Each structure stands twice: as C-alpha cells, then as structure tokens.
Amino acid sequence: MLGLRASGKWRWWWGVVPLMVVVPALGQEDTAVSDVPASVRTQAGVHEPLVEGGGRAGEPQSVRPQSGPEEKTEVKPKELSVEPKPVRPARPSSPRWDYSGERGPERWAKLSRQYFWCGLGKNQSPIDIRLEEVLTTDLRAIEFHYLALDTRLRMENSLVTARPLVPKATIQVEQRRFTLETVQFHTPSEHTDGGNHYPLEAQLIHRDKEGNPAVVAIWFRPGQANPLLDEILAATKQKNASKRTIDWSKILPPSADYYRYNGSLTTPPCSEGVRWYVMSEAVEASEDQLRSFRALTGKNNRPVQPLNARRVLE
C-alpha cells in the first residue's frame, strides 16, 4: 500500500512540473519565436502575422511614395562622335605595256607580278591553227544575239578598242550565255592560219555572269569595203573617246563554222581559262581600210604561242 501511495504521489508531482514550465513560456512566445531565424521558423511551421504593406512582422517594409506631381527630368541628347572613315589605299595601276621595245611582249612577264601568266602559262594565246592538226567533232553553232548599240571607241595601248555601253549583245554557246564587253582590233592578225597572218583580226571579248571569258576572233582579208570598219575608223580619228551606234551583227562572216580551243588573253595579264572561238571564214575589207588600221595602230599583235598539249577542235 505504501508503495502504491508513493507512486501515486509521484505521478501527481510529475503532472505539476510541466504546468510550471509551460505557463511562463506562454507569455514569452512572441519573444522566443522572434529570436529564432526565419528559415528555421518556416521549417517548423511557424508563420508570422502579416502587417500592412504585405510583409511579415520583423521584415523591412517598402514605403510607397505619395502621389504628387511628377518631376520632369530633362533628357539630354547623346553627343554623336563622328569617327573619320578609313581611307582605302588606291589600287596600284597596272604597268604600261606595249608591242615593241622594253615593254614589248617578250618582257611583259617582267613588268609586273600581275603579268606572270605571260611568261609561265602553258595555255597561252594566240596560236597557229593548222588544218591537218585540227580534230573534227560535232560542235554546235554559236547563237549570236548582236544588235545596234551605243558604243564608245578609243585608242588604248596601241589598240582600237570599242566598248558597248549597254550589255545587250550576247552569244549562246556550250550551254552558256556570254555578254559582249569589249572589241579589239589587231594588225596583223594574232592567230595564224597554217603560219599565215591575215592583215587584220577583230577580237570580241565576252563574259558570262560568273565572269568567265569567251572570245570570238574574226579574220579580215582584202576584198570589198566593209561599212562597219568605216564607222569605226571615223570614230577613232577624234582625239577623245567617241560614242557611235554600232550594229555588231554586221561584223560576222557569212559562215558560222569556227575553231575551238582553250587559251588565254592575248594582252597582259595574259590570264588563262579563256574559251576561244576563231571563225574559220574571213570577212572582207578594202585595202584602204586595212592600210588605215596599220597606220593608226602600227604592229600590235602578240607572237604565236606554243600549242603544247592542247587540241584545236572544229
């Protein structure tokens, strides 16, 4: 009995002790909770009451500015700094070349690095066309779309040079379209026929849209006067460049047959990769016209170049 009474007494005592601890703690709840870090209170599920302004007690509150007249701030335009544009260096002009003397064809390659093809090229123009060495194939005819165009004529490097002012004269050959850019005249001819020169050769230089060149060469032989040559000679007698309307369809021979080979420009820089179409039939020109060209330009043909491994087709 005494043991039971004692145990009952202790049970009562252990019930009183927790009350003594909990009651004072109730008065200190706010202080105790506020001393605990916010991260710990949040994990423990203790949330602080909201206060005016949307925040919680103990957090710094944002103060809203009172409404009133807005102050206008003058925005100054930014000062634009103008930097001088860099001056591009001018392209070096190509050295002057000629057909004789220190600037003649034998020395073209030494006049400038730009002219290296003139000395090192293996597919150079002009060439000698020997009928017995020409390979007969099924070449398609050239489609000439020439017409009357305003053309500027002048003397350049001992050459009578004509430049159509409108890119409308074209040829269609080998599934490509080329536009006529320049016409040059050489006395005597640059290409030879079995070793024989014609008194005059016209070279009509074309380019396609990628810039690839194609040249049509036309030989002239003594015969009837050529009305087209009269127009060209009359224009070249003027000191400055002259503009004339030239119908380039009148320069073509009656026959559409031609020789085809790969070569180069016959003037510096002697670039290779040129498609050559040498018309096999010569066009007539009077002796007076041929003499006038010789007197005007002098000898202005590059010597014949080795054929090397190339073949001429017809």
Protein backbone atom coordinates (compact mmCIF):
# COMPACT_ATOMS: atom_id res chain seq x y z
CA MET A 1 0.00 0.00 0.00
CA LEU A 2 2.77 2.40 0.86
CA GLY A 3 4.46 1.70 -2.46
CA LEU A 4 1.27 2.39 -4.35
CA ARG A 5 0.62 5.61 -2.45
CA ALA A 6 4.14 6.75 -3.08
CA SER A 7 3.90 6.03 -6.78
CA GLY A 8 0.58 7.89 -6.99
CA LYS A 9 2.14 10.87 -5.21
CA TRP A 10 5.00 10.99 -7.72
CA ARG A 11 2.59 10.76 -10.60
CA TRP A 12 0.83 13.86 -9.30
CA TRP A 13 4.12 15.68 -8.93
CA TRP A 14 5.19 14.89 -12.48
CA GLY A 15 1.91 16.36 -13.71
CA VAL A 16 2.51 19.64 -11.87
CA VAL A 17 6.07 20.20 -13.17
CA PRO A 18 5.12 20.52 -16.86
CA LEU A 19 2.46 23.11 -15.98
CA MET A 20 5.06 25.20 -14.20
CA VAL A 21 7.21 25.17 -17.31
CA VAL A 22 4.51 25.77 -19.93
CA VAL A 23 2.66 28.68 -18.23
CA PRO A 24 5.62 31.13 -18.14
CA ALA A 25 6.56 30.14 -21.70
CA LEU A 26 3.19 31.27 -22.98
CA GLY A 27 3.96 34.86 -22.05
CA GLN A 28 7.28 34.71 -23.79
CA GLU A 29 6.04 33.11 -27.03
CA ASP A 30 6.46 36.20 -29.19
CA THR A 31 9.93 36.91 -27.93
CA ALA A 32 11.09 33.33 -28.19
CA VAL A 33 9.77 32.87 -31.69
CA SER A 34 11.21 36.15 -32.93
CA ASP A 35 14.63 35.10 -31.73
CA VAL A 36 14.58 32.06 -33.98
CA PRO A 37 15.84 32.55 -37.54
CA ALA A 38 13.14 32.86 -40.22
CA SER A 39 14.35 29.82 -42.14
CA VAL A 40 14.06 27.69 -39.00
CA ARG A 41 10.61 29.09 -38.15
CA THR A 42 9.36 28.32 -41.65
CA GLN A 43 10.60 24.72 -41.46
CA ALA A 44 8.95 24.33 -38.09
CA GLY A 45 5.60 25.52 -39.49
CA VAL A 46 5.56 28.77 -37.51
CA HIS A 47 4.25 31.67 -39.61
CA GLU A 48 4.40 35.30 -38.65
CA PRO A 49 1.36 37.52 -38.94
CA LEU A 50 1.06 39.79 -41.93
CA VAL A 51 1.29 43.51 -41.38
CA GLU A 52 0.13 46.44 -43.52
CA GLY A 53 2.15 46.66 -46.67
CA GLY A 54 2.04 42.95 -47.48
CA GLY A 55 5.13 41.89 -45.50
CA ARG A 56 5.51 39.96 -42.29
CA ALA A 57 6.38 41.25 -38.87
CA GLY A 58 10.07 41.75 -38.38
CA GLU A 59 10.80 42.25 -42.09
CA PRO A 60 11.77 45.65 -43.57
CA GLN A 61 8.72 47.19 -45.26
CA SER A 62 8.83 49.01 -48.58
CA VAL A 63 7.50 52.54 -48.39
CA ARG A 64 5.30 53.61 -51.27
CA PRO A 65 5.89 57.18 -52.43
CA GLN A 66 2.98 59.54 -52.03
CA SER A 67 1.25 60.52 -55.22
CA GLY A 68 2.06 64.02 -56.38
CA PRO A 69 3.16 65.99 -59.39
CA GLU A 70 5.80 64.13 -61.31
CA GLU A 71 9.11 65.84 -61.77
CA LYS A 72 10.12 66.06 -65.40
CA THR A 73 13.69 65.10 -65.99
CA GLU A 74 15.30 66.73 -68.98
CA VAL A 75 16.93 64.11 -71.17
CA LYS A 76 19.92 65.47 -72.96
CA PRO A 77 20.57 64.01 -76.38
CA LYS A 78 23.68 61.92 -76.62
CA GLU A 79 26.52 63.51 -78.42
CA LEU A 80 27.34 61.50 -81.50
CA SER A 81 31.00 61.01 -82.06
CA VAL A 82 31.80 61.01 -85.76
CA GLU A 83 34.82 58.89 -86.50
CA PRO A 84 36.66 59.55 -89.71
CA LYS A 85 36.20 56.79 -92.26
CA PRO A 86 39.35 54.87 -93.03
CA VAL A 87 40.84 55.81 -96.35
CA ARG A 88 41.30 52.78 -98.58
CA PRO A 89 44.60 52.74 -100.36
CA ALA A 90 44.26 53.16 -104.10
CA ARG A 91 44.84 50.05 -106.15
CA PRO A 92 48.18 50.11 -107.85
CA SER A 93 47.76 50.89 -111.52
CA SER A 94 48.87 48.22 -113.96
CA PRO A 95 52.25 48.97 -115.54
CA ARG A 96 52.10 50.18 -119.10
CA TRP A 97 52.93 47.61 -121.75
CA ASP A 98 53.49 47.83 -125.46
CA TYR A 99 54.18 45.72 -128.53
CA SER A 100 57.84 46.60 -129.02
CA GLY A 101 60.95 47.74 -127.18
CA GLU A 102 61.46 47.46 -123.41
CA ARG A 103 57.74 46.96 -122.81
CA GLY A 104 57.15 44.52 -125.65
CA PRO A 105 55.63 41.01 -125.43
CA GLU A 106 58.93 39.31 -124.61
CA ARG A 107 59.21 41.41 -121.43
CA TRP A 108 55.55 41.53 -120.30
CA ALA A 109 56.10 39.00 -117.53
CA LYS A 110 58.94 41.10 -116.10
CA LEU A 111 56.95 44.34 -115.98
CA SER A 112 54.75 43.27 -113.06
CA ARG A 113 53.88 40.30 -110.87
CA GLN A 114 50.35 40.69 -112.19
CA TYR A 115 51.64 39.60 -115.59
CA PHE A 116 53.25 36.32 -114.50
CA TRP A 117 50.97 34.27 -116.79
CA CYS A 118 52.59 35.96 -119.79
CA GLY A 119 55.83 34.11 -119.02
CA LEU A 120 54.79 30.96 -117.13
CA GLY A 121 51.48 30.00 -118.75
CA LYS A 122 51.24 26.75 -120.72
CA ASN A 123 47.89 27.50 -122.38
CA GLN A 124 48.61 30.87 -123.91
CA SER A 125 47.12 32.66 -126.92
CA PRO A 126 47.33 33.30 -129.83
CA ILE A 127 48.20 30.07 -131.59
CA ASP A 128 48.84 28.85 -135.12
CA ILE A 129 45.86 26.84 -136.40
CA ARG A 130 46.99 24.06 -138.74
CA LEU A 131 44.14 22.40 -140.55
CA GLU A 132 45.87 18.99 -140.65
CA GLU A 133 46.07 19.00 -136.83
CA VAL A 134 42.51 20.14 -136.15
CA LEU A 135 40.24 17.48 -134.62
CA THR A 136 36.86 17.30 -136.37
CA THR A 137 33.96 16.99 -133.91
CA ASP A 138 30.27 17.84 -133.73
CA LEU A 139 30.47 21.42 -132.48
CA ARG A 140 27.17 23.23 -132.16
CA ALA A 141 26.80 26.58 -133.88
CA ILE A 142 27.23 29.76 -131.87
CA GLU A 143 23.98 31.68 -131.41
CA PHE A 144 24.80 35.36 -131.97
CA HIS A 145 22.37 37.86 -130.49
CA TYR A 146 24.04 41.04 -131.71
CA LEU A 147 22.26 44.32 -132.38
CA ALA A 148 22.88 48.06 -132.79
CA LEU A 149 24.25 49.52 -129.55
CA ASP A 150 25.72 52.80 -128.41
CA THR A 151 29.44 52.14 -128.29
CA ARG A 152 32.39 54.15 -127.02
CA LEU A 153 35.54 53.91 -129.16
CA ARG A 154 39.05 54.99 -128.26
CA MET A 155 42.74 54.10 -128.53
CA GLU A 156 44.13 52.05 -125.62
CA ASN A 157 47.66 50.63 -125.54
CA SER A 158 48.03 50.90 -129.32
CA LEU A 159 44.68 49.12 -129.76
CA VAL A 160 41.46 50.35 -131.34
CA THR A 161 39.02 49.47 -128.55
CA ALA A 162 35.22 49.56 -128.66
CA ARG A 163 33.02 49.14 -125.57
CA PRO A 164 29.23 48.76 -125.89
CA LEU A 165 27.52 51.00 -123.32
CA VAL A 166 24.59 48.63 -122.84
CA PRO A 167 25.12 44.91 -122.03
CA LYS A 168 22.61 43.56 -124.55
CA ALA A 169 24.77 41.89 -127.20
CA THR A 170 25.23 38.23 -126.26
CA ILE A 171 26.23 34.81 -127.57
CA GLN A 172 24.88 31.41 -126.56
CA VAL A 173 27.39 28.58 -126.83
CA GLU A 174 28.16 25.38 -124.92
CA GLN A 175 25.01 25.89 -122.83
CA ARG A 176 26.31 29.24 -121.55
CA ARG A 177 25.36 32.83 -122.26
CA PHE A 178 28.13 35.41 -122.60
CA THR A 179 27.73 39.19 -122.86
CA LEU A 180 29.85 41.31 -125.19
CA GLU A 181 32.08 43.72 -123.24
CA THR A 182 34.94 44.83 -125.50
CA VAL A 183 36.07 44.64 -129.11
CA GLN A 184 39.77 44.99 -130.01
CA PHE A 185 41.50 45.14 -133.39
CA HIS A 186 44.98 43.75 -134.13
CA THR A 187 47.17 44.34 -137.18
CA PRO A 188 48.29 41.93 -138.43
CA SER A 189 46.18 39.06 -137.08
CA GLU A 190 47.31 37.38 -133.87
CA HIS A 191 46.07 33.89 -134.77
CA THR A 192 47.65 32.47 -137.87
CA ASP A 193 46.17 30.10 -140.44
CA GLY A 194 48.82 27.48 -141.22
CA GLY A 195 51.54 30.02 -140.36
CA ASN A 196 50.00 32.82 -142.40
CA HIS A 197 48.83 36.14 -140.90
CA TYR A 198 45.71 37.95 -142.06
CA PRO A 199 46.07 41.74 -142.29
CA LEU A 200 43.50 42.37 -139.52
CA GLU A 201 41.83 40.47 -136.68
CA ALA A 202 38.91 41.57 -134.50
CA GLN A 203 38.53 40.01 -131.06
CA LEU A 204 35.11 40.25 -129.42
CA ILE A 205 35.57 39.65 -125.70
CA HIS A 206 32.58 38.33 -123.73
CA ARG A 207 31.99 37.24 -120.13
CA ASP A 208 29.28 35.15 -118.50
CA LYS A 209 27.54 36.02 -115.20
CA GLU A 210 30.36 34.34 -113.24
CA GLY A 211 32.99 36.40 -115.06
CA ASN A 212 34.35 33.59 -117.25
CA PRO A 213 35.70 34.94 -120.55
CA ALA A 214 34.91 33.82 -124.07
CA VAL A 215 36.45 35.44 -127.14
CA VAL A 216 35.26 35.33 -130.74
CA ALA A 217 38.06 36.06 -133.23
CA ILE A 218 37.31 37.23 -136.78
CA TRP A 219 39.90 37.47 -139.54
CA PHE A 220 39.77 40.14 -142.27
CA ARG A 221 41.16 39.63 -145.79
CA PRO A 222 41.49 42.07 -148.71
CA GLY A 223 38.29 42.49 -150.70
CA GLN A 224 35.26 44.77 -150.75
CA ALA A 225 34.99 47.75 -148.42
CA ASN A 226 33.41 46.97 -145.05
CA PRO A 227 30.84 49.60 -143.91
CA LEU A 228 31.33 48.71 -140.24
CA LEU A 229 35.07 49.40 -140.41
CA ASP A 230 34.37 52.81 -141.94
CA GLU A 231 32.29 53.75 -138.89
CA ILE A 232 34.98 52.58 -136.51
CA LEU A 233 37.80 54.36 -138.33
CA ALA A 234 35.82 57.61 -138.45
CA ALA A 235 35.26 57.47 -134.69
CA THR A 236 38.92 56.80 -133.85
CA LYS A 237 40.10 59.91 -135.71
CA GLN A 238 38.72 62.06 -132.91
CA LYS A 239 41.10 62.97 -130.07
CA ASN A 240 38.80 61.94 -127.24
CA ALA A 241 36.64 58.85 -126.88
CA SER A 242 33.82 58.92 -129.37
CA LYS A 243 30.33 57.44 -128.99
CA ARG A 244 28.75 55.82 -132.01
CA THR A 245 25.84 53.47 -132.62
CA ILE A 246 27.40 50.27 -133.97
CA ASP A 247 25.44 47.31 -135.30
CA TRP A 248 27.72 44.47 -134.24
CA SER A 249 25.76 41.88 -136.22
CA LYS A 250 27.42 43.32 -139.37
CA ILE A 251 30.88 42.22 -138.27
CA LEU A 252 30.12 38.48 -138.55
CA PRO A 253 31.20 36.31 -141.50
CA PRO A 254 28.59 34.51 -143.64
CA SER A 255 29.63 31.09 -142.35
CA ALA A 256 29.04 30.02 -138.74
CA ASP A 257 31.94 27.49 -138.72
CA TYR A 258 34.68 28.04 -136.17
CA TYR A 259 37.73 26.59 -134.45
CA ARG A 260 37.53 25.95 -130.72
CA TYR A 261 40.39 25.76 -128.21
CA ASN A 262 41.27 26.80 -124.63
CA GLY A 263 43.71 29.64 -124.23
CA SER A 264 44.39 32.98 -122.58
CA LEU A 265 44.01 36.70 -123.04
CA THR A 266 46.47 37.96 -125.65
CA THR A 267 47.22 41.11 -123.64
CA PRO A 268 48.51 41.45 -120.06
CA PRO A 269 47.80 39.93 -117.60
CA CYS A 270 47.52 37.00 -120.08
CA SER A 271 45.08 35.18 -117.78
CA GLU A 272 44.26 31.63 -118.82
CA GLY A 273 40.94 29.80 -118.81
CA VAL A 274 39.62 31.62 -121.90
CA ARG A 275 37.29 29.91 -124.38
CA TRP A 276 38.38 30.79 -127.90
CA TYR A 277 36.12 30.64 -130.94
CA VAL A 278 38.07 31.56 -134.10
CA MET A 279 35.71 31.94 -137.06
CA SER A 280 37.06 29.85 -139.95
CA GLU A 281 35.84 32.18 -142.74
CA ALA A 282 37.46 35.60 -143.07
CA VAL A 283 35.49 38.83 -143.64
CA GLU A 284 36.36 41.21 -146.47
CA ALA A 285 37.85 44.69 -146.02
CA SER A 286 39.23 47.10 -148.60
CA GLU A 287 42.95 47.76 -148.98
CA ASP A 288 42.39 51.37 -147.91
CA GLN A 289 40.67 50.25 -144.71
CA LEU A 290 43.45 47.77 -143.90
CA ARG A 291 46.13 50.40 -144.51
CA SER A 292 44.23 52.88 -142.28
CA PHE A 293 44.27 50.41 -139.40
CA ARG A 294 48.00 49.76 -139.84
CA ALA A 295 48.72 53.49 -139.90
CA LEU A 296 46.55 54.07 -136.85
CA THR A 297 47.91 51.38 -134.55
CA GLY A 298 51.11 50.07 -136.06
CA LYS A 299 52.02 46.45 -135.46
CA ASN A 300 50.05 45.38 -132.37
CA ASN A 301 49.93 41.58 -132.36
CA ARG A 302 51.39 39.23 -129.77
CA PRO A 303 53.57 36.48 -131.27
CA VAL A 304 52.12 32.99 -131.66
CA GLN A 305 52.42 30.83 -128.52
CA PRO A 306 53.19 27.08 -128.28
CA LEU A 307 50.18 24.79 -128.55
CA ASN A 308 51.70 22.31 -126.06
CA ALA A 309 49.27 19.51 -125.14
CA ARG A 310 46.13 21.31 -126.35
CA ARG A 311 43.93 20.29 -129.26
CA VAL A 312 42.03 22.53 -131.66
CA LEU A 313 38.50 21.40 -132.50
CA GLU A 314 36.22 22.20 -135.40
